[in-house]
N, C-alpha and C. Protein backbone atom coordinates (compact mmCIF):
# COMPACT_ATOMS: atom_id res chain seq x y z
N MET A 1 130.67 121.79 104.61
CA MET A 1 130.44 120.98 103.43
C MET A 1 130.03 119.56 103.88
N GLU A 2 129.07 119.02 103.19
CA GLU A 2 128.58 117.68 103.50
C GLU A 2 129.55 116.63 102.97
N ARG A 3 129.69 115.56 103.72
CA ARG A 3 130.56 114.46 103.30
C ARG A 3 130.04 113.84 102.01
N ILE A 4 130.95 113.43 101.15
CA ILE A 4 130.59 112.84 99.86
C ILE A 4 129.74 111.59 100.04
N GLU A 5 129.99 110.82 101.10
CA GLU A 5 129.20 109.61 101.33
C GLU A 5 127.72 109.93 101.53
N LYS A 6 127.45 111.01 102.27
CA LYS A 6 126.05 111.41 102.50
C LYS A 6 125.41 111.92 101.21
N THR A 7 126.16 112.70 100.45
CA THR A 7 125.64 113.24 99.19
C THR A 7 125.36 112.11 98.20
N PHE A 8 126.30 111.18 98.08
CA PHE A 8 126.12 110.03 97.20
C PHE A 8 124.92 109.19 97.65
N GLY A 9 124.83 108.94 98.94
CA GLY A 9 123.72 108.15 99.48
C GLY A 9 122.37 108.80 99.22
N ALA A 10 122.33 110.12 99.36
CA ALA A 10 121.08 110.83 99.09
C ALA A 10 120.68 110.70 97.62
N GLN A 11 121.67 110.69 96.74
CA GLN A 11 121.39 110.53 95.30
C GLN A 11 120.85 109.13 95.02
N VAL A 12 121.45 108.12 95.64
CA VAL A 12 120.95 106.75 95.47
C VAL A 12 119.50 106.68 95.93
N ARG A 13 119.23 107.27 97.08
CA ARG A 13 117.87 107.25 97.63
C ARG A 13 116.88 107.96 96.70
N ARG A 14 117.26 109.15 96.20
CA ARG A 14 116.37 109.90 95.30
C ARG A 14 116.02 109.07 94.06
N ILE A 15 117.03 108.46 93.48
CA ILE A 15 116.79 107.67 92.27
C ILE A 15 115.93 106.45 92.60
N ARG A 16 116.27 105.77 93.69
CA ARG A 16 115.51 104.56 94.08
C ARG A 16 114.05 104.89 94.31
N ILE A 17 113.78 105.94 95.06
CA ILE A 17 112.40 106.33 95.35
C ILE A 17 111.70 106.77 94.07
N GLY A 18 112.41 107.48 93.21
CA GLY A 18 111.84 107.92 91.94
C GLY A 18 111.43 106.75 91.05
N LYS A 19 112.09 105.63 91.23
CA LYS A 19 111.75 104.43 90.46
C LYS A 19 110.82 103.51 91.23
N ASN A 20 110.39 103.96 92.40
CA ASN A 20 109.46 103.21 93.24
C ASN A 20 109.99 101.81 93.58
N ILE A 21 111.25 101.77 93.98
CA ILE A 21 111.91 100.51 94.34
C ILE A 21 112.20 100.56 95.84
N SER A 22 111.91 99.49 96.54
CA SER A 22 112.23 99.42 97.97
C SER A 22 113.73 99.15 98.15
N GLN A 23 114.24 99.41 99.35
CA GLN A 23 115.63 99.08 99.64
C GLN A 23 115.85 97.58 99.48
N GLU A 24 114.89 96.80 99.91
CA GLU A 24 115.00 95.35 99.80
C GLU A 24 115.11 94.92 98.33
N GLU A 25 114.27 95.51 97.47
CA GLU A 25 114.30 95.17 96.05
C GLU A 25 115.62 95.62 95.41
N LEU A 26 116.08 96.81 95.75
CA LEU A 26 117.36 97.27 95.20
C LEU A 26 118.49 96.36 95.66
N GLY A 27 118.45 95.96 96.91
CA GLY A 27 119.45 95.01 97.40
C GLY A 27 119.44 93.73 96.61
N PHE A 28 118.26 93.19 96.36
CA PHE A 28 118.12 91.95 95.58
C PHE A 28 118.68 92.14 94.17
N ARG A 29 118.28 93.23 93.52
CA ARG A 29 118.73 93.49 92.15
C ARG A 29 120.24 93.71 92.06
N SER A 30 120.81 94.26 93.15
CA SER A 30 122.23 94.60 93.17
C SER A 30 123.11 93.50 93.72
N GLY A 31 122.51 92.50 94.33
CA GLY A 31 123.29 91.46 94.98
C GLY A 31 123.87 91.92 96.30
N LEU A 32 123.19 92.89 96.93
CA LEU A 32 123.61 93.44 98.21
C LEU A 32 122.47 93.27 99.21
N SER A 33 122.76 93.39 100.48
CA SER A 33 121.69 93.27 101.47
C SER A 33 120.92 94.58 101.61
N LYS A 34 119.70 94.47 102.11
CA LYS A 34 118.88 95.66 102.39
C LYS A 34 119.60 96.56 103.38
N ASN A 35 120.25 95.96 104.37
CA ASN A 35 120.99 96.74 105.37
C ASN A 35 122.15 97.50 104.75
N TYR A 36 122.81 96.90 103.79
CA TYR A 36 123.91 97.57 103.10
C TYR A 36 123.38 98.77 102.33
N ILE A 37 122.28 98.58 101.61
CA ILE A 37 121.67 99.70 100.87
C ILE A 37 121.29 100.82 101.83
N SER A 38 120.71 100.47 102.96
CA SER A 38 120.35 101.46 103.97
C SER A 38 121.58 102.23 104.44
N ASP A 39 122.67 101.52 104.70
CA ASP A 39 123.92 102.17 105.12
C ASP A 39 124.44 103.12 104.05
N VAL A 40 124.37 102.71 102.80
CA VAL A 40 124.81 103.57 101.69
C VAL A 40 123.98 104.84 101.67
N GLU A 41 122.67 104.69 101.75
CA GLU A 41 121.78 105.85 101.66
C GLU A 41 121.96 106.82 102.83
N ARG A 42 122.36 106.31 103.98
CA ARG A 42 122.61 107.16 105.14
C ARG A 42 124.01 107.75 105.15
N GLY A 43 124.84 107.33 104.19
CA GLY A 43 126.21 107.84 104.14
C GLY A 43 127.14 107.15 105.12
N ALA A 44 126.74 105.98 105.60
CA ALA A 44 127.53 105.25 106.59
C ALA A 44 128.54 104.30 105.94
N ARG A 45 128.53 104.21 104.63
CA ARG A 45 129.46 103.31 103.91
C ARG A 45 130.29 104.11 102.92
N ASN A 46 131.54 103.77 102.82
CA ASN A 46 132.40 104.30 101.77
C ASN A 46 132.47 103.20 100.71
N VAL A 47 131.65 103.31 99.69
CA VAL A 47 131.46 102.21 98.75
C VAL A 47 132.60 102.10 97.75
N SER A 48 132.85 100.88 97.29
CA SER A 48 133.88 100.60 96.29
C SER A 48 133.32 100.85 94.90
N LEU A 49 134.21 100.88 93.94
CA LEU A 49 133.78 101.02 92.55
C LEU A 49 132.91 99.85 92.12
N GLN A 50 133.23 98.65 92.59
CA GLN A 50 132.43 97.47 92.25
C GLN A 50 131.01 97.62 92.81
N THR A 51 130.90 98.14 94.02
CA THR A 51 129.58 98.33 94.62
C THR A 51 128.79 99.40 93.89
N ILE A 52 129.45 100.46 93.48
CA ILE A 52 128.79 101.51 92.71
C ILE A 52 128.22 100.92 91.42
N GLU A 53 128.99 100.07 90.77
CA GLU A 53 128.52 99.42 89.55
C GLU A 53 127.31 98.53 89.83
N LYS A 54 127.33 97.78 90.92
CA LYS A 54 126.20 96.93 91.29
C LYS A 54 124.95 97.75 91.53
N ILE A 55 125.09 98.86 92.25
CA ILE A 55 123.93 99.71 92.55
C ILE A 55 123.36 100.30 91.25
N ALA A 56 124.23 100.77 90.38
CA ALA A 56 123.77 101.33 89.09
C ALA A 56 123.02 100.27 88.28
N ARG A 57 123.54 99.06 88.25
CA ARG A 57 122.86 97.99 87.53
C ARG A 57 121.51 97.67 88.16
N GLY A 58 121.47 97.66 89.49
CA GLY A 58 120.22 97.41 90.20
C GLY A 58 119.17 98.47 89.92
N LEU A 59 119.62 99.70 89.74
CA LEU A 59 118.71 100.81 89.44
C LEU A 59 118.45 100.94 87.93
N GLU A 60 119.19 100.17 87.14
CA GLU A 60 119.09 100.20 85.67
C GLU A 60 119.37 101.59 85.13
N ILE A 61 120.50 102.15 85.58
CA ILE A 61 120.92 103.48 85.14
C ILE A 61 122.42 103.44 84.82
N PRO A 62 122.90 104.41 84.03
CA PRO A 62 124.34 104.50 83.83
C PRO A 62 125.01 104.95 85.14
N ILE A 63 126.22 104.50 85.37
CA ILE A 63 126.94 104.85 86.60
C ILE A 63 127.00 106.36 86.79
N LYS A 64 127.22 107.10 85.72
CA LYS A 64 127.38 108.56 85.84
C LYS A 64 126.17 109.23 86.49
N GLU A 65 124.99 108.64 86.35
CA GLU A 65 123.79 109.24 86.94
C GLU A 65 123.86 109.27 88.46
N LEU A 66 124.60 108.35 89.05
CA LEU A 66 124.75 108.34 90.50
C LEU A 66 125.59 109.53 90.99
N PHE A 67 126.31 110.17 90.07
CA PHE A 67 127.18 111.29 90.43
C PHE A 67 126.69 112.63 89.89
N GLU A 68 125.47 112.66 89.44
CA GLU A 68 124.90 113.91 88.91
C GLU A 68 124.23 114.69 90.02
N PHE A 69 125.05 115.16 90.94
CA PHE A 69 124.58 116.00 92.03
C PHE A 69 125.56 117.15 92.21
N ILE A 70 125.14 118.17 92.88
CA ILE A 70 125.98 119.35 93.10
C ILE A 70 126.58 119.29 94.49
N ILE A 71 127.88 119.40 94.56
CA ILE A 71 128.57 119.47 95.85
C ILE A 71 128.75 120.93 96.18
N GLY A 72 128.18 121.34 97.33
CA GLY A 72 128.21 122.76 97.66
C GLY A 72 129.16 123.15 98.69
């Protein structure tokens, strides 16, 4: 089974790319660094609830959309 951090990060990446937003732009919109966004997308960060909220706001989506993936 894949770690939840990797699955969550892949979802952030899918949504970001679908909205044609760079990591740098998402970082700016979220108040986070580009490197932090990169770490999240690679599953290298265990993000807090506050960070999840920032990312959702940066992507202009409801928080629940970040968790609409299947864990297998």
